[in-house]
């Protein structure tokens, strides 16, 4: 009987000891676990700059718009200069000094087979030649325009002039380089060079 009582007391003591240790150790282990879970919260904050960098290139499409606008504007200006150049050719044939005064800049310089000419010399020559030229036509083509800026352009083209000079048939073919500049809101030629195109001998 004494053995049974001693065994019962021992079992109760062990149970009591085990029950007392279990609640103390579990809260102590839960604290580190809580700290470890909270630590990864800093990682999402590092991902935010990556999102900001990804949105930075969104400004590039806005830079392409001015290029389209410039292309459209220069195409329209090309046609304006080509029209003026053809008027210049016609005015030279007719000796239209009023038109030449508007198209040629005051500081104009032209270079050709006869040498370098000022505005006044060019107009005087056109007026003198027109007195002997009849039934003349002026046709220009193969235009190319290169823009230095919005107010300055270099033009290349070919021209063929046919008619009669003092009753004799003549044909003049040449290539020209003109520098156009907008002066006081109006396009004018500031420099020009003409180069004769050699004619092929008749076969």
Protein backbone atom coordinates (compact mmCIF):
# COMPACT_ATOMS: atom_id res chain seq x y z
CA UNK A 1 0.00 0.00 0.00
CA UNK A 2 2.85 2.34 0.85
CA UNK A 3 4.43 1.60 -2.53
CA UNK A 4 1.23 2.54 -4.34
CA UNK A 5 0.98 5.84 -2.46
CA UNK A 6 4.64 6.67 -3.13
CA UNK A 7 4.19 5.92 -6.83
CA UNK A 8 1.08 8.11 -7.02
CA UNK A 9 2.89 10.99 -5.31
CA UNK A 10 5.83 10.62 -7.75
CA UNK A 11 3.54 10.60 -10.79
CA UNK A 12 1.73 13.72 -9.56
CA UNK A 13 5.05 15.51 -8.92
CA UNK A 14 6.35 14.70 -12.41
CA UNK A 15 3.06 15.76 -14.01
CA UNK A 16 3.06 18.98 -12.01
CA UNK A 17 6.68 19.70 -13.03
CA UNK A 18 5.99 19.00 -16.70
CA UNK A 19 2.88 21.14 -16.68
CA UNK A 20 4.78 24.01 -15.03
CA UNK A 21 7.66 24.05 -17.56
CA UNK A 22 5.55 23.85 -20.72
CA UNK A 23 3.81 27.25 -20.48
CA UNK A 24 7.10 29.03 -19.59
CA UNK A 25 9.13 27.79 -22.56
CA UNK A 26 6.51 28.42 -25.30
CA UNK A 27 6.20 32.23 -24.88
CA UNK A 28 9.99 32.53 -24.88
CA UNK A 29 10.17 30.77 -28.29
CA UNK A 30 7.32 32.84 -29.74
CA UNK A 31 9.19 36.17 -29.32
CA UNK A 32 12.11 35.38 -31.69
CA UNK A 33 9.63 33.98 -34.20
CA UNK A 34 7.77 37.31 -34.18
CA UNK A 35 10.99 39.25 -34.79
CA UNK A 36 11.97 37.03 -37.73
CA UNK A 37 8.60 37.53 -39.44
CA UNK A 38 8.81 41.34 -39.07
CA UNK A 39 12.31 41.52 -40.62
CA UNK A 40 11.29 40.79 -44.30
CA UNK A 41 8.98 43.88 -44.26
CA UNK A 42 11.96 46.00 -45.46
CA UNK A 43 12.21 44.18 -48.84
CA UNK A 44 9.12 45.72 -50.50
CA UNK A 45 10.60 49.20 -49.78
CA UNK A 46 13.64 48.31 -51.95
CA UNK A 47 11.40 47.43 -54.92
CA UNK A 48 9.90 50.97 -55.15
CA UNK A 49 12.94 52.62 -56.85
CA UNK A 50 12.78 49.93 -59.54
CA UNK A 51 9.21 50.98 -60.32
CA UNK A 52 10.28 54.64 -60.48
CA UNK A 53 13.13 53.82 -62.89
CA UNK A 54 10.76 51.88 -65.11
CA UNK A 55 8.49 54.91 -65.49
CA UNK A 56 11.37 57.33 -66.29
CA UNK A 57 11.58 56.51 -70.07
CA UNK A 58 7.97 57.72 -70.47
CA UNK A 59 9.38 61.16 -71.39
CA UNK A 60 10.99 59.89 -74.66
CA UNK A 61 7.85 59.89 -76.86
CA UNK A 62 7.38 63.61 -76.11
CA UNK A 63 10.83 64.35 -77.64
CA UNK A 64 9.85 62.83 -81.00
CA UNK A 65 6.97 65.27 -81.66
CA UNK A 66 9.08 68.34 -82.59
CA UNK A 67 10.86 66.28 -85.28
CA UNK A 68 7.55 65.54 -87.01
CA UNK A 69 6.54 69.19 -86.83
CA UNK A 70 9.86 70.28 -88.36
CA UNK A 71 9.54 67.82 -91.24
CA UNK A 72 6.08 69.13 -92.09
CA UNK A 73 7.16 72.75 -91.83
CA UNK A 74 10.26 72.30 -94.01
CA UNK A 75 8.23 70.51 -96.72
CA UNK A 76 5.92 73.51 -96.97
CA UNK A 77 8.87 75.91 -96.97
CA UNK A 78 10.58 73.84 -99.68
CA UNK A 79 7.63 74.45 -101.99
CA UNK A 80 7.62 78.16 -101.18
CA UNK A 81 11.31 78.47 -102.10
CA UNK A 82 10.91 76.43 -105.29
CA UNK A 83 8.06 78.72 -106.38
CA UNK A 84 10.18 81.80 -105.69
CA UNK A 85 13.13 80.33 -107.58
CA UNK A 86 10.99 79.75 -110.66
CA UNK A 87 9.69 83.31 -110.44
CA UNK A 88 13.29 84.48 -110.25
CA UNK A 89 14.17 82.59 -113.45
CA UNK A 90 11.19 84.06 -115.29
CA UNK A 91 11.99 87.57 -114.03
CA UNK A 92 15.56 87.24 -115.31
CA UNK A 93 14.34 86.38 -118.81
CA UNK A 94 11.90 89.29 -118.94
CA UNK A 95 14.22 91.76 -117.22
CA UNK A 96 11.63 92.30 -114.49
CA UNK A 97 13.72 94.57 -112.27
CA UNK A 98 10.95 95.08 -109.68
CA UNK A 99 10.72 91.31 -109.07
CA UNK A 100 14.48 90.93 -108.98
CA UNK A 101 14.73 93.73 -106.40
CA UNK A 102 12.45 91.74 -104.09
CA UNK A 103 14.10 88.34 -104.58
CA UNK A 104 17.76 89.36 -104.37
CA UNK A 105 19.06 90.49 -100.96
CA UNK A 106 20.86 93.83 -100.76
CA UNK A 107 24.13 92.04 -99.95
CA UNK A 108 23.61 89.40 -102.69
CA UNK A 109 26.68 87.94 -104.39
CA UNK A 110 26.44 85.72 -107.44
CA UNK A 111 29.14 83.71 -109.15
CA UNK A 112 29.06 82.44 -112.73
CA UNK A 113 31.03 82.25 -115.98
CA UNK A 114 31.16 86.07 -116.10
CA UNK A 115 32.61 86.30 -112.58
CA UNK A 116 31.21 87.59 -109.28
CA UNK A 117 28.25 89.98 -109.37
CA UNK A 118 26.53 92.19 -106.82
CA UNK A 119 22.77 92.67 -106.72
CA UNK A 120 22.96 95.81 -108.83
CA UNK A 121 25.18 94.15 -111.44
CA UNK A 122 22.95 91.08 -111.68
CA UNK A 123 19.82 93.18 -112.22
CA UNK A 124 21.55 95.39 -114.78
CA UNK A 125 22.71 92.35 -116.76
CA UNK A 126 19.24 90.79 -116.74
CA UNK A 127 17.71 94.04 -117.96
CA UNK A 128 20.29 94.38 -120.76
CA UNK A 129 19.98 90.76 -121.95
CA UNK A 130 16.18 90.77 -121.94
CA UNK A 131 16.16 93.38 -124.72
CA UNK A 132 17.70 90.81 -127.11
CA UNK A 133 15.86 87.67 -125.94
CA UNK A 134 12.55 86.60 -127.46
CA UNK A 135 10.33 83.50 -127.32
CA UNK A 136 12.24 82.28 -124.28
CA UNK A 137 11.16 79.64 -121.76
CA UNK A 138 12.64 78.76 -118.38
CA UNK A 139 12.17 75.33 -116.82
CA UNK A 140 13.79 74.17 -113.57
CA UNK A 141 13.71 70.75 -111.92
CA UNK A 142 15.67 68.27 -109.79
CA UNK A 143 15.29 70.47 -106.73
CA UNK A 144 16.97 69.61 -103.45
CA UNK A 145 16.71 71.84 -100.38
CA UNK A 146 18.95 71.52 -97.31
CA UNK A 147 18.07 73.46 -94.17
CA UNK A 148 20.76 75.05 -92.00
CA UNK A 149 18.11 76.46 -89.65
CA UNK A 150 14.48 77.55 -89.93
CA UNK A 151 15.50 80.82 -91.66
CA UNK A 152 18.37 79.59 -93.87
CA UNK A 153 18.33 77.03 -96.69
CA UNK A 154 20.65 75.84 -99.47
CA UNK A 155 18.97 74.94 -102.76
CA UNK A 156 20.33 72.80 -105.61
CA UNK A 157 18.57 72.47 -108.96
CA UNK A 158 18.91 72.16 -112.72
CA UNK A 159 17.51 74.67 -115.21
CA UNK A 160 17.05 74.79 -118.97
CA UNK A 161 16.52 78.08 -120.79
CA UNK A 162 15.57 78.13 -124.44
CA UNK A 163 14.71 80.94 -126.83
CA UNK A 164 16.18 83.30 -129.37
CA UNK A 165 18.95 85.80 -128.73
CA UNK A 166 19.00 88.47 -131.45
CA UNK A 167 17.02 86.10 -133.66
CA UNK A 168 19.35 83.11 -133.18
CA UNK A 169 18.19 80.01 -131.33
CA UNK A 170 19.97 79.27 -128.10
CA UNK A 171 19.80 76.75 -125.25
CA UNK A 172 21.32 77.33 -121.86
CA UNK A 173 21.50 74.44 -119.39
CA UNK A 174 23.00 74.92 -115.96
CA UNK A 175 22.98 73.75 -112.38
CA UNK A 176 22.65 76.27 -109.59
CA UNK A 177 23.33 76.52 -105.90
CA UNK A 178 21.40 79.22 -104.05
CA UNK A 179 21.49 80.29 -100.41
CA UNK A 180 18.07 81.53 -99.26
CA UNK A 181 17.60 83.50 -96.07
CA UNK A 182 14.51 84.97 -94.50
CA UNK A 183 15.12 88.72 -94.16
CA UNK A 184 12.48 90.82 -92.38
CA UNK A 185 9.94 88.03 -92.85
CA UNK A 186 10.61 87.64 -96.61
CA UNK A 187 12.73 84.98 -98.37
CA UNK A 188 15.65 86.37 -100.38
CA UNK A 189 18.70 84.97 -102.14
CA UNK A 190 21.94 86.05 -100.46
CA UNK A 191 24.35 83.98 -102.59
CA UNK A 192 24.24 82.00 -105.83
CA UNK A 193 26.50 80.09 -108.18
CA UNK A 194 25.65 78.82 -111.64
CA UNK A 195 27.55 76.04 -113.43
CA UNK A 196 26.95 75.37 -117.14
CA UNK A 197 26.04 71.82 -118.15
CA UNK A 198 28.11 70.85 -121.21
CA UNK A 199 25.86 69.99 -124.14
CA UNK A 200 26.33 66.65 -125.87
CA UNK A 201 27.41 67.03 -129.49
CA UNK A 202 24.72 66.08 -132.03
CA UNK A 203 25.27 62.67 -133.65
